[in-house]
Amino acid sequence: MALLLPCLLLSACHRADIRTVAIRVPQMDSEEAARRVTDALDAYTSFGVIHEATADFSQRVARITYDSTLASLKNFEYVIARAGFDANDTRADDVARKNAPESAP
């Protein structure tokens, strides 16, 4: 019980800073590629970090609405890079790129 009160007080002080960003994903040129990007990002929705993630392969952009007190833009660029795609200036992971869909070079 003694630990419960401080935990409740600390959690009540958290102020979310919700932001929406667009990340360029040049190799995302198909629905399959867009699904891979959103699947990679969806893992973070269960932690409350991402509130929404969408991928538009026609514009080659992923849009993410997230709590910036829990993560930064660079975190999401790394997640997309580990899925096999360049994200803004972050290069795709070489191993993941080899496993990416045929349309992703």
PDB file of N, CA and C in Angstrom:
ATOM      1  N   MET A   1       0.821  -1.188   0.000  1.00  0.00           N
ATOM      2  CA  MET A   1       0.000   0.000   0.000  1.00  0.00           C
ATOM      3  C   MET A   1       0.869   1.256   0.000  1.00  0.00           C
ATOM      4  N   ALA A   2       1.988   1.199   0.724  1.00  0.00           N
ATOM      5  CA  ALA A   2       2.865   2.366   0.802  1.00  0.00           C
ATOM      6  C   ALA A   2       3.448   2.713  -0.557  1.00  0.00           C
ATOM      7  N   LEU A   3       3.681   1.725  -1.400  1.00  0.00           N
ATOM      8  CA  LEU A   3       4.211   1.991  -2.737  1.00  0.00           C
ATOM      9  C   LEU A   3       3.131   2.387  -3.723  1.00  0.00           C
ATOM     10  N   LEU A   4       1.919   2.018  -3.469  1.00  0.00           N
ATOM     11  CA  LEU A   4       0.824   2.302  -4.384  1.00  0.00           C
ATOM     12  C   LEU A   4       0.547   3.793  -4.498  1.00  0.00           C
ATOM     13  N   LEU A   5       0.528   4.503  -3.406  1.00  0.00           N
ATOM     14  CA  LEU A   5       0.226   5.932  -3.417  1.00  0.00           C
ATOM     15  C   LEU A   5       1.236   6.726  -4.237  1.00  0.00           C
ATOM     16  N   PRO A   6       2.556   6.559  -4.039  1.00  0.00           N
ATOM     17  CA  PRO A   6       3.505   7.308  -4.874  1.00  0.00           C
ATOM     18  C   PRO A   6       3.357   6.981  -6.360  1.00  0.00           C
ATOM     19  N   CYS A   7       3.079   5.727  -6.676  1.00  0.00           N
ATOM     20  CA  CYS A   7       2.898   5.340  -8.082  1.00  0.00           C
ATOM     21  C   CYS A   7       1.686   6.035  -8.678  1.00  0.00           C
ATOM     22  N   LEU A   8       0.602   6.075  -7.933  1.00  0.00           N
ATOM     23  CA  LEU A   8      -0.595   6.750  -8.417  1.00  0.00           C
ATOM     24  C   LEU A   8      -0.351   8.242  -8.598  1.00  0.00           C
ATOM     25  N   LEU A   9       0.351   8.840  -7.674  1.00  0.00           N
ATOM     26  CA  LEU A   9       0.640  10.267  -7.774  1.00  0.00           C
ATOM     27  C   LEU A   9       1.539  10.578  -8.963  1.00  0.00           C
ATOM     28  N   LEU A  10       2.550   9.749  -9.179  1.00  0.00           N
ATOM     29  CA  LEU A  10       3.450   9.967 -10.314  1.00  0.00           C
ATOM     30  C   LEU A  10       2.742   9.776 -11.643  1.00  0.00           C
ATOM     31  N   SER A  11       1.905   8.780 -11.749  1.00  0.00           N
ATOM     32  CA  SER A  11       1.213   8.534 -13.008  1.00  0.00           C
ATOM     33  C   SER A  11       0.191   9.626 -13.293  1.00  0.00           C
ATOM     34  N   ALA A  12      -0.363  10.224 -12.262  1.00  0.00           N
ATOM     35  CA  ALA A  12      -1.341  11.285 -12.453  1.00  0.00           C
ATOM     36  C   ALA A  12      -0.675  12.569 -12.951  1.00  0.00           C
ATOM     37  N   CYS A  13       0.622  12.702 -12.767  1.00  0.00           N
ATOM     38  CA  CYS A  13       1.337  13.906 -13.177  1.00  0.00           C
ATOM     39  C   CYS A  13       1.788  13.867 -14.636  1.00  0.00           C
ATOM     40  N   HIS A  14       1.676  12.730 -15.269  1.00  0.00           N
ATOM     41  CA  HIS A  14       2.117  12.609 -16.660  1.00  0.00           C
ATOM     42  C   HIS A  14       1.228  13.447 -17.571  1.00  0.00           C
ATOM     43  N   ARG A  15       1.849  14.336 -18.323  1.00  0.00           N
ATOM     44  CA  ARG A  15       1.127  15.141 -19.298  1.00  0.00           C
ATOM     45  C   ARG A  15       1.560  14.697 -20.674  1.00  0.00           C
ATOM     46  N   ALA A  16       0.645  14.198 -21.456  1.00  0.00           N
ATOM     47  CA  ALA A  16       0.950  13.758 -22.810  1.00  0.00           C
ATOM     48  C   ALA A  16       1.181  14.973 -23.707  1.00  0.00           C
ATOM     49  N   ASP A  17       2.089  14.815 -24.632  1.00  0.00           N
ATOM     50  CA  ASP A  17       2.349  15.822 -25.662  1.00  0.00           C
ATOM     51  C   ASP A  17       2.124  15.115 -26.991  1.00  0.00           C
ATOM     52  N   ILE A  18       0.899  15.178 -27.496  1.00  0.00           N
ATOM     53  CA  ILE A  18       0.515  14.441 -28.697  1.00  0.00           C
ATOM     54  C   ILE A  18       0.937  15.234 -29.933  1.00  0.00           C
ATOM     55  N   ARG A  19       1.667  14.544 -30.805  1.00  0.00           N
ATOM     56  CA  ARG A  19       2.144  15.155 -32.044  1.00  0.00           C
ATOM     57  C   ARG A  19       1.840  14.236 -33.215  1.00  0.00           C
ATOM     58  N   THR A  20       1.742  14.827 -34.390  1.00  0.00           N
ATOM     59  CA  THR A  20       1.587  14.053 -35.622  1.00  0.00           C
ATOM     60  C   THR A  20       2.729  14.423 -36.552  1.00  0.00           C
ATOM     61  N   VAL A  21       3.395  13.397 -37.070  1.00  0.00           N
ATOM     62  CA  VAL A  21       4.519  13.614 -37.975  1.00  0.00           C
ATOM     63  C   VAL A  21       4.308  12.795 -39.248  1.00  0.00           C
ATOM     64  N   ALA A  22       4.961  13.235 -40.305  1.00  0.00           N
ATOM     65  CA  ALA A  22       4.978  12.493 -41.563  1.00  0.00           C
ATOM     66  C   ALA A  22       6.415  12.060 -41.815  1.00  0.00           C
ATOM     67  N   ILE A  23       6.587  10.791 -42.118  1.00  0.00           N
ATOM     68  CA  ILE A  23       7.915  10.235 -42.379  1.00  0.00           C
ATOM     69  C   ILE A  23       7.964   9.769 -43.830  1.00  0.00           C
ATOM     70  N   ARG A  24       8.960  10.266 -44.567  1.00  0.00           N
ATOM     71  CA  ARG A  24       9.150   9.831 -45.960  1.00  0.00           C
ATOM     72  C   ARG A  24       9.676   8.402 -45.977  1.00  0.00           C
ATOM     73  N   VAL A  25       9.029   7.537 -46.766  1.00  0.00           N
ATOM     74  CA  VAL A  25       9.434   6.135 -46.900  1.00  0.00           C
ATOM     75  C   VAL A  25       9.516   5.852 -48.406  1.00  0.00           C
ATOM     76  N   PRO A  26      10.647   6.171 -49.053  1.00  0.00           N
ATOM     77  CA  PRO A  26      10.741   6.108 -50.512  1.00  0.00           C
ATOM     78  C   PRO A  26      10.467   4.731 -51.126  1.00  0.00           C
ATOM     79  N   GLN A  27      10.828   3.651 -50.457  1.00  0.00           N
ATOM     80  CA  GLN A  27      10.635   2.318 -51.029  1.00  0.00           C
ATOM     81  C   GLN A  27       9.226   1.769 -50.799  1.00  0.00           C
ATOM     82  N   MET A  28       8.393   2.466 -50.067  1.00  0.00           N
ATOM     83  CA  MET A  28       7.045   1.982 -49.785  1.00  0.00           C
ATOM     84  C   MET A  28       6.166   2.271 -51.007  1.00  0.00           C
ATOM     85  N   ASP A  29       6.191   1.348 -51.963  1.00  0.00           N
ATOM     86  CA  ASP A  29       5.510   1.587 -53.230  1.00  0.00           C
ATOM     87  C   ASP A  29       4.415   0.576 -53.548  1.00  0.00           C
ATOM     88  N   SER A  30       3.915  -0.109 -52.521  1.00  0.00           N
ATOM     89  CA  SER A  30       2.832  -1.068 -52.724  1.00  0.00           C
ATOM     90  C   SER A  30       2.032  -1.205 -51.439  1.00  0.00           C
ATOM     91  N   GLU A  31       0.859  -1.820 -51.560  1.00  0.00           N
ATOM     92  CA  GLU A  31       0.048  -2.060 -50.360  1.00  0.00           C
ATOM     93  C   GLU A  31       0.765  -3.002 -49.399  1.00  0.00           C
ATOM     94  N   GLU A  32       1.473  -3.986 -49.932  1.00  0.00           N
ATOM     95  CA  GLU A  32       2.227  -4.928 -49.086  1.00  0.00           C
ATOM     96  C   GLU A  32       3.305  -4.180 -48.292  1.00  0.00           C
ATOM     97  N   ALA A  33       4.002  -3.271 -48.950  1.00  0.00           N
ATOM     98  CA  ALA A  33       5.038  -2.491 -48.260  1.00  0.00           C
ATOM     99  C   ALA A  33       4.405  -1.606 -47.181  1.00  0.00           C
ATOM    100  N   ALA A  34       3.280  -0.982 -47.493  1.00  0.00           N
ATOM    101  CA  ALA A  34       2.592  -0.136 -46.512  1.00  0.00           C
ATOM    102  C   ALA A  34       2.141  -0.968 -45.317  1.00  0.00           C
ATOM    103  N   ARG A  35       1.668  -2.186 -45.565  1.00  0.00           N
ATOM    104  CA  ARG A  35       1.248  -3.064 -44.478  1.00  0.00           C
ATOM    105  C   ARG A  35       2.431  -3.423 -43.585  1.00  0.00           C
ATOM    106  N   ARG A  36       3.597  -3.676 -44.181  1.00  0.00           N
ATOM    107  CA  ARG A  36       4.792  -3.996 -43.388  1.00  0.00           C
ATOM    108  C   ARG A  36       5.184  -2.829 -42.487  1.00  0.00           C
ATOM    109  N   VAL A  37       5.075  -1.624 -43.017  1.00  0.00           N
ATOM    110  CA  VAL A  37       5.405  -0.428 -42.227  1.00  0.00           C
ATOM    111  C   VAL A  37       4.426  -0.274 -41.066  1.00  0.00           C
ATOM    112  N   THR A  38       3.126  -0.351 -41.350  1.00  0.00           N
ATOM    113  CA  THR A  38       2.153  -0.170 -40.273  1.00  0.00           C
ATOM    114  C   THR A  38       2.206  -1.326 -39.272  1.00  0.00           C
ATOM    115  N   ASP A  39       2.482  -2.537 -39.738  1.00  0.00           N
ATOM    116  CA  ASP A  39       2.630  -3.657 -38.797  1.00  0.00           C
ATOM    117  C   ASP A  39       3.787  -3.429 -37.835  1.00  0.00           C
ATOM    118  N   ALA A  40       4.886  -2.900 -38.351  1.00  0.00           N
ATOM    119  CA  ALA A  40       6.045  -2.620 -37.504  1.00  0.00           C
ATOM    120  C   ALA A  40       5.707  -1.550 -36.463  1.00  0.00           C
ATOM    121  N   LEU A  41       4.985  -0.529 -36.883  1.00  0.00           N
ATOM    122  CA  LEU A  41       4.621   0.559 -35.971  1.00  0.00           C
ATOM    123  C   LEU A  41       3.529   0.156 -34.987  1.00  0.00           C
ATOM    124  N   ASP A  42       2.637  -0.733 -35.405  1.00  0.00           N
ATOM    125  CA  ASP A  42       1.517  -1.136 -34.546  1.00  0.00           C
ATOM    126  C   ASP A  42       1.965  -1.759 -33.234  1.00  0.00           C
ATOM    127  N   ALA A  43       3.147  -2.319 -33.200  1.00  0.00           N
ATOM    128  CA  ALA A  43       3.638  -2.916 -31.954  1.00  0.00           C
ATOM    129  C   ALA A  43       3.714  -1.877 -30.840  1.00  0.00           C
ATOM    130  N   TYR A  44       3.844  -0.611 -31.179  1.00  0.00           N
ATOM    131  CA  TYR A  44       3.985   0.440 -30.183  1.00  0.00           C
ATOM    132  C   TYR A  44       2.654   1.025 -29.729  1.00  0.00           C
ATOM    133  N   THR A  45       1.562   0.656 -30.376  1.00  0.00           N
ATOM    134  CA  THR A  45       0.260   1.162 -29.936  1.00  0.00           C
ATOM    135  C   THR A  45      -0.142   0.544 -28.603  1.00  0.00           C
ATOM    136  N   SER A  46       0.268  -0.698 -28.367  1.00  0.00           N
ATOM    137  CA  SER A  46      -0.106  -1.358 -27.117  1.00  0.00           C
ATOM    138  C   SER A  46       0.579  -0.735 -25.898  1.00  0.00           C
ATOM    139  N   PHE A  47       1.655   0.004 -26.122  1.00  0.00           N
ATOM    140  CA  PHE A  47       2.349   0.670 -25.021  1.00  0.00           C
ATOM    141  C   PHE A  47       1.847   2.096 -24.805  1.00  0.00           C
ATOM    142  N   GLY A  48       0.896   2.548 -25.610  1.00  0.00           N
ATOM    143  CA  GLY A  48       0.370   3.891 -25.489  1.00  0.00           C
ATOM    144  C   GLY A  48       1.256   4.956 -26.099  1.00  0.00           C
ATOM    145  N   VAL A  49       2.310   4.543 -26.785  1.00  0.00           N
ATOM    146  CA  VAL A  49       3.222   5.502 -27.412  1.00  0.00           C
ATOM    147  C   VAL A  49       2.581   6.070 -28.678  1.00  0.00           C
ATOM    148  N   ILE A  50       2.106   5.179 -29.551  1.00  0.00           N
ATOM    149  CA  ILE A  50       1.479   5.589 -30.803  1.00  0.00           C
ATOM    150  C   ILE A  50      -0.032   5.540 -30.632  1.00  0.00           C
ATOM    151  N   HIS A  51      -0.684   6.603 -31.035  1.00  0.00           N
ATOM    152  CA  HIS A  51      -2.137   6.657 -30.992  1.00  0.00           C
ATOM    153  C   HIS A  51      -2.727   6.259 -32.335  1.00  0.00           C
ATOM    154  N   GLU A  52      -1.999   6.547 -33.421  1.00  0.00           N
ATOM    155  CA  GLU A  52      -2.451   6.166 -34.757  1.00  0.00           C
ATOM    156  C   GLU A  52      -1.248   6.138 -35.689  1.00  0.00           C
ATOM    157  N   ALA A  53      -1.227   5.139 -36.561  1.00  0.00           N
ATOM    158  CA  ALA A  53      -0.177   5.046 -37.586  1.00  0.00           C
ATOM    159  C   ALA A  53      -0.818   4.626 -38.890  1.00  0.00           C
ATOM    160  N   THR A  54      -0.587   5.412 -39.928  1.00  0.00           N
ATOM    161  CA  THR A  54      -1.104   5.079 -41.249  1.00  0.00           C
ATOM    162  C   THR A  54       0.034   5.185 -42.251  1.00  0.00           C
ATOM    163  N   ALA A  55      -0.109   4.466 -43.353  1.00  0.00           N
ATOM    164  CA  ALA A  55       0.900   4.505 -44.407  1.00  0.00           C
ATOM    165  C   ALA A  55       0.196   4.683 -45.741  1.00  0.00           C
ATOM    166  N   ASP A  56       0.630   5.669 -46.500  1.00  0.00           N
ATOM    167  CA  ASP A  56       0.062   5.955 -47.813  1.00  0.00           C
ATOM    168  C   ASP A  56       1.130   5.661 -48.855  1.00  0.00           C
ATOM    169  N   PHE A  57       1.011   4.493 -49.507  1.00  0.00           N
ATOM    170  CA  PHE A  57       2.051   4.106 -50.452  1.00  0.00           C
ATOM    171  C   PHE A  57       2.027   4.969 -51.705  1.00  0.00           C
ATOM    172  N   SER A  58       0.886   5.580 -52.059  1.00  0.00           N
ATOM    173  CA  SER A  58       0.851   6.436 -53.250  1.00  0.00           C
ATOM    174  C   SER A  58       1.676   7.701 -53.037  1.00  0.00           C
ATOM    175  N   GLN A  59       1.747   8.176 -51.795  1.00  0.00           N
ATOM    176  CA  GLN A  59       2.566   9.350 -51.468  1.00  0.00           C
ATOM    177  C   GLN A  59       3.886   8.954 -50.831  1.00  0.00           C
ATOM    178  N   ARG A  60       4.029   7.644 -50.504  1.00  0.00           N
ATOM    179  CA  ARG A  60       5.239   7.114 -49.863  1.00  0.00           C
ATOM    180  C   ARG A  60       5.541   7.832 -48.553  1.00  0.00           C
ATOM    181  N   VAL A  61       4.480   7.934 -47.734  1.00  0.00           N
ATOM    182  CA  VAL A  61       4.577   8.633 -46.454  1.00  0.00           C
ATOM    183  C   VAL A  61       3.863   7.819 -45.379  1.00  0.00           C
ATOM    184  N   ALA A  62       4.483   7.731 -44.212  1.00  0.00           N
ATOM    185  CA  ALA A  62       3.841   7.165 -43.027  1.00  0.00           C
ATOM    186  C   ALA A  62       3.514   8.330 -42.103  1.00  0.00           C
ATOM    187  N   ARG A  63       2.295   8.354 -41.585  1.00  0.00           N
ATOM    188  CA  ARG A  63       1.877   9.398 -40.647  1.00  0.00           C
ATOM    189  C   ARG A  63       1.650   8.751 -39.289  1.00  0.00           C
ATOM    190  N   ILE A  64       2.214   9.378 -38.273  1.00  0.00           N
ATOM    191  CA  ILE A  64       2.155   8.811 -36.928  1.00  0.00           C
ATOM    192  C   ILE A  64       1.707   9.886 -35.951  1.00  0.00           C
ATOM    193  N   THR A  65       0.702   9.570 -35.157  1.00  0.00           N
ATOM    194  CA  THR A  65       0.275  10.428 -34.057  1.00  0.00           C
ATOM    195  C   THR A  65       0.727   9.731 -32.788  1.00  0.00           C
ATOM    196  N   TYR A  66       1.529  10.419 -31.992  1.00  0.00           N
ATOM    197  CA  TYR A  66       2.180   9.768 -30.847  1.00  0.00           C
ATOM    198  C   TYR A  66       2.375  10.734 -29.686  1.00  0.00           C
ATOM    199  N   ASP A  67       2.697  10.162 -28.546  1.00  0.00           N
ATOM    200  CA  ASP A  67       2.994  10.924 -27.335  1.00  0.00           C
ATOM    201  C   ASP A  67       4.504  11.181 -27.300  1.00  0.00           C
ATOM    202  N   SER A  68       4.899  12.425 -27.528  1.00  0.00           N
ATOM    203  CA  SER A  68       6.329  12.745 -27.623  1.00  0.00           C
ATOM    204  C   SER A  68       7.049  12.698 -26.275  1.00  0.00           C
ATOM    205  N   THR A  69       6.310  12.547 -25.187  1.00  0.00           N
ATOM    206  CA  THR A  69       6.983  12.375 -23.895  1.00  0.00           C
ATOM    207  C   THR A  69       7.454  10.931 -23.719  1.00  0.00           C
ATOM    208  N   LEU A  70       6.981  10.038 -24.589  1.00  0.00           N
ATOM    209  CA  LEU A  70       7.342   8.623 -24.492  1.00  0.00           C
ATOM    210  C   LEU A  70       8.286   8.161 -25.598  1.00  0.00           C
ATOM    211  N   ALA A  71       8.364   8.896 -26.693  1.00  0.00           N
ATOM    212  CA  ALA A  71       9.222   8.504 -27.817  1.00  0.00           C
ATOM    213  C   ALA A  71       9.518   9.731 -28.669  1.00  0.00           C
ATOM    214  N   SER A  72      10.491   9.573 -29.569  1.00  0.00           N
ATOM    215  CA  SER A  72      10.835  10.669 -30.471  1.00  0.00           C
ATOM    216  C   SER A  72      10.674  10.210 -31.918  1.00  0.00           C
ATOM    217  N   LEU A  73      10.707  11.147 -32.823  1.00  0.00           N
ATOM    218  CA  LEU A  73      10.606  10.852 -34.248  1.00  0.00           C
ATOM    219  C   LEU A  73      11.656   9.831 -34.672  1.00  0.00           C
ATOM    220  N   LYS A  74      12.864   9.961 -34.164  1.00  0.00           N
ATOM    221  CA  LYS A  74      13.958   9.056 -34.526  1.00  0.00           C
ATOM    222  C   LYS A  74      13.627   7.611 -34.163  1.00  0.00           C
ATOM    223  N   ASN A  75      12.915   7.400 -33.049  1.00  0.00           N
ATOM    224  CA  ASN A  75      12.497   6.049 -32.679  1.00  0.00           C
ATOM    225  C   ASN A  75      11.672   5.406 -33.789  1.00  0.00           C
ATOM    226  N   PHE A  76      10.748   6.148 -34.357  1.00  0.00           N
ATOM    227  CA  PHE A  76       9.883   5.606 -35.400  1.00  0.00           C
ATOM    228  C   PHE A  76      10.642   5.405 -36.702  1.00  0.00           C
ATOM    229  N   GLU A  77      11.601   6.284 -36.974  1.00  0.00           N
ATOM    230  CA  GLU A  77      12.440   6.081 -38.159  1.00  0.00           C
ATOM    231  C   GLU A  77      13.209   4.771 -38.035  1.00  0.00           C
ATOM    232  N   TYR A  78      13.726   4.474 -36.851  1.00  0.00           N
ATOM    233  CA  TYR A  78      14.452   3.210 -36.635  1.00  0.00           C
ATOM    234  C   TYR A  78      13.528   2.000 -36.768  1.00  0.00           C
ATOM    235  N   VAL A  79      12.302   2.109 -36.284  1.00  0.00           N
ATOM    236  CA  VAL A  79      11.340   1.008 -36.411  1.00  0.00           C
ATOM    237  C   VAL A  79      11.078   0.711 -37.887  1.00  0.00           C
ATOM    238  N   ILE A  80      10.873   1.750 -38.672  1.00  0.00           N
ATOM    239  CA  ILE A  80      10.627   1.570 -40.110  1.00  0.00           C
ATOM    240  C   ILE A  80      11.871   1.014 -40.791  1.00  0.00           C
ATOM    241  N   ALA A  81      13.048   1.494 -40.405  1.00  0.00           N
ATOM    242  CA  ALA A  81      14.305   0.993 -40.990  1.00  0.00           C
ATOM    243  C   ALA A  81      14.497  -0.482 -40.674  1.00  0.00           C
ATOM    244  N   ARG A  82      14.122  -0.912 -39.469  1.00  0.00           N
ATOM    245  CA  ARG A  82      14.233  -2.331 -39.116  1.00  0.00           C
ATOM    246  C   ARG A  82      13.218  -3.183 -39.880  1.00  0.00           C
ATOM    247  N   ALA A  83      12.182  -2.543 -40.429  1.00  0.00           N
ATOM    248  CA  ALA A  83      11.209  -3.256 -41.263  1.00  0.00           C
ATOM    249  C   ALA A  83      11.695  -3.372 -42.705  1.00  0.00           C
ATOM    250  N   GLY A  84      12.832  -2.717 -43.024  1.00  0.00           N
ATOM    251  CA  GLY A  84      13.430  -2.852 -44.351  1.00  0.00           C
ATOM    252  C   GLY A  84      13.273  -1.670 -45.273  1.00  0.00           C
ATOM    253  N   PHE A  85      12.916  -0.511 -44.744  1.00  0.00           N
ATOM    254  CA  PHE A  85      12.666   0.660 -45.582  1.00  0.00           C
ATOM    255  C   PHE A  85      13.434   1.874 -45.057  1.00  0.00           C
ATOM    256  N   ASP A  86      13.919   2.713 -45.971  1.00  0.00           N
ATOM    257  CA  ASP A  86      14.494   3.991 -45.558  1.00  0.00           C
ATOM    258  C   ASP A  86      13.373   4.824 -44.937  1.00  0.00           C
ATOM    259  N   ALA A  87      13.717   5.626 -43.936  1.00  0.00           N
ATOM    260  CA  ALA A  87      12.739   6.493 -43.272  1.00  0.00           C
ATOM    261  C   ALA A  87      13.395   7.850 -43.052  1.00  0.00           C
ATOM    262  N   ASN A  88      12.941   8.842 -43.811  1.00  0.00           N
ATOM    263  CA  ASN A  88      13.599  10.146 -43.838  1.00  0.00           C
ATOM    264  C   ASN A  88      15.073   9.917 -44.173  1.00  0.00           C
ATOM    265  N   ASP A  89      15.984  10.324 -43.298  1.00  0.00           N
ATOM    266  CA  ASP A  89      17.417  10.149 -43.575  1.00  0.00           C
ATOM    267  C   ASP A  89      17.994   8.890 -42.941  1.00  0.00           C
ATOM    268  N   THR A  90      17.162   8.086 -42.324  1.00  0.00           N
ATOM    269  CA  THR A  90      17.620   6.845 -41.688  1.00  0.00           C
ATOM    270  C   THR A  90      17.570   5.712 -42.702  1.00  0.00           C
ATOM    271  N   ARG A  91      18.721   5.094 -42.931  1.00  0.00           N
ATOM    272  CA  ARG A  91      18.810   4.015 -43.915  1.00  0.00           C
ATOM    273  C   ARG A  91      18.217   2.720 -43.371  1.00  0.00           C
ATOM    274  N   ALA A  92      17.632   1.947 -44.274  1.00  0.00           N
ATOM    275  CA  ALA A  92      17.036   0.664 -43.901  1.00  0.00           C
ATOM    276  C   ALA A  92      18.101  -0.305 -43.426  1.00  0.00           C
ATOM    277  N   ASP A  93      17.711  -1.167 -42.508  1.00  0.00           N
ATOM    278  CA  ASP A  93      18.567  -2.250 -42.049  1.00  0.00           C
ATOM    279  C   ASP A  93      18.804  -3.194 -43.229  1.00  0.00           C
ATOM    280  N   ASP A  94      20.074  -3.538 -43.493  1.00  0.00           N
ATOM    281  CA  ASP A  94      20.412  -4.355 -44.661  1.00  0.00           C
ATOM    282  C   ASP A  94      19.730  -5.716 -44.652  1.00  0.00           C
ATOM    283  N   VAL A  95      19.702  -6.378 -43.520  1.00  0.00           N
ATOM    284  CA  VAL A  95      19.064  -7.705 -43.435  1.00  0.00           C
ATOM    285  C   VAL A  95      17.564  -7.576 -43.669  1.00  0.00           C
ATOM    286  N   ALA A  96      16.941  -6.587 -43.055  1.00  0.00           N
ATOM    287  CA  ALA A  96      15.504  -6.389 -43.225  1.00  0.00           C
ATOM    288  C   ALA A  96      15.172  -6.020 -44.664  1.00  0.00           C
ATOM    289  N   ARG A  97      16.034  -5.237 -45.301  1.00  0.00           N
ATOM    290  CA  ARG A  97      15.807  -4.856 -46.692  1.00  0.00           C
ATOM    291  C   ARG A  97      15.787  -6.080 -47.595  1.00  0.00           C
ATOM    292  N   LYS A  98      16.676  -7.038 -47.330  1.00  0.00           N
ATOM    293  CA  LYS A  98      16.709  -8.264 -48.135  1.00  0.00           C
ATOM    294  C   LYS A  98      15.429  -9.057 -47.974  1.00  0.00           C
ATOM    295  N   ASN A  99      14.784  -8.951 -46.817  1.00  0.00           N
ATOM    296  CA  ASN A  99      13.536  -9.680 -46.561  1.00  0.00           C
ATOM    297  C   ASN A  99      12.291  -8.881 -46.923  1.00  0.00           C
ATOM    298  N   ALA A 100      12.472  -7.654 -47.403  1.00  0.00           N
ATOM    299  CA  ALA A 100      11.350  -6.800 -47.766  1.00  0.00           C
ATOM    300  C   ALA A 100      10.700  -7.316 -49.046  1.00  0.00           C
ATOM    301  N   PRO A 101       9.472  -6.862 -49.350  1.00  0.00           N
ATOM    302  CA  PRO A 101       8.801  -7.298 -50.565  1.00  0.00           C
ATOM    303  C   PRO A 101       9.632  -6.996 -51.811  1.00  0.00           C
ATOM    304  N   GLU A 102       9.368  -7.725 -52.869  1.00  0.00           N
ATOM    305  CA  GLU A 102      10.100  -7.568 -54.130  1.00  0.00           C
ATOM    306  C   GLU A 102      10.149  -6.132 -54.614  1.00  0.00           C
ATOM    307  N   SER A 103       9.062  -5.370 -54.424  1.00  0.00           N
ATOM    308  CA  SER A 103       9.008  -4.002 -54.946  1.00  0.00           C
ATOM    309  C   SER A 103       9.916  -3.052 -54.193  1.00  0.00           C
ATOM    310  N   ALA A 104      10.359  -3.437 -52.997  1.00  0.00           N
ATOM    311  CA  ALA A 104      11.256  -2.578 -52.212  1.00  0.00           C
ATOM    312  C   ALA A 104      12.687  -2.918 -52.551  1.00  0.00           C
ATOM    313  N   PRO A 105      13.431  -1.981 -53.177  1.00  0.00           N
ATOM    314  CA  PRO A 105      14.822  -2.263 -53.589  1.00  0.00           C
ATOM    315  C   PRO A 105      15.757  -2.432 -52.408  1.00  0.00           C
TER     316      PRO A 105
END
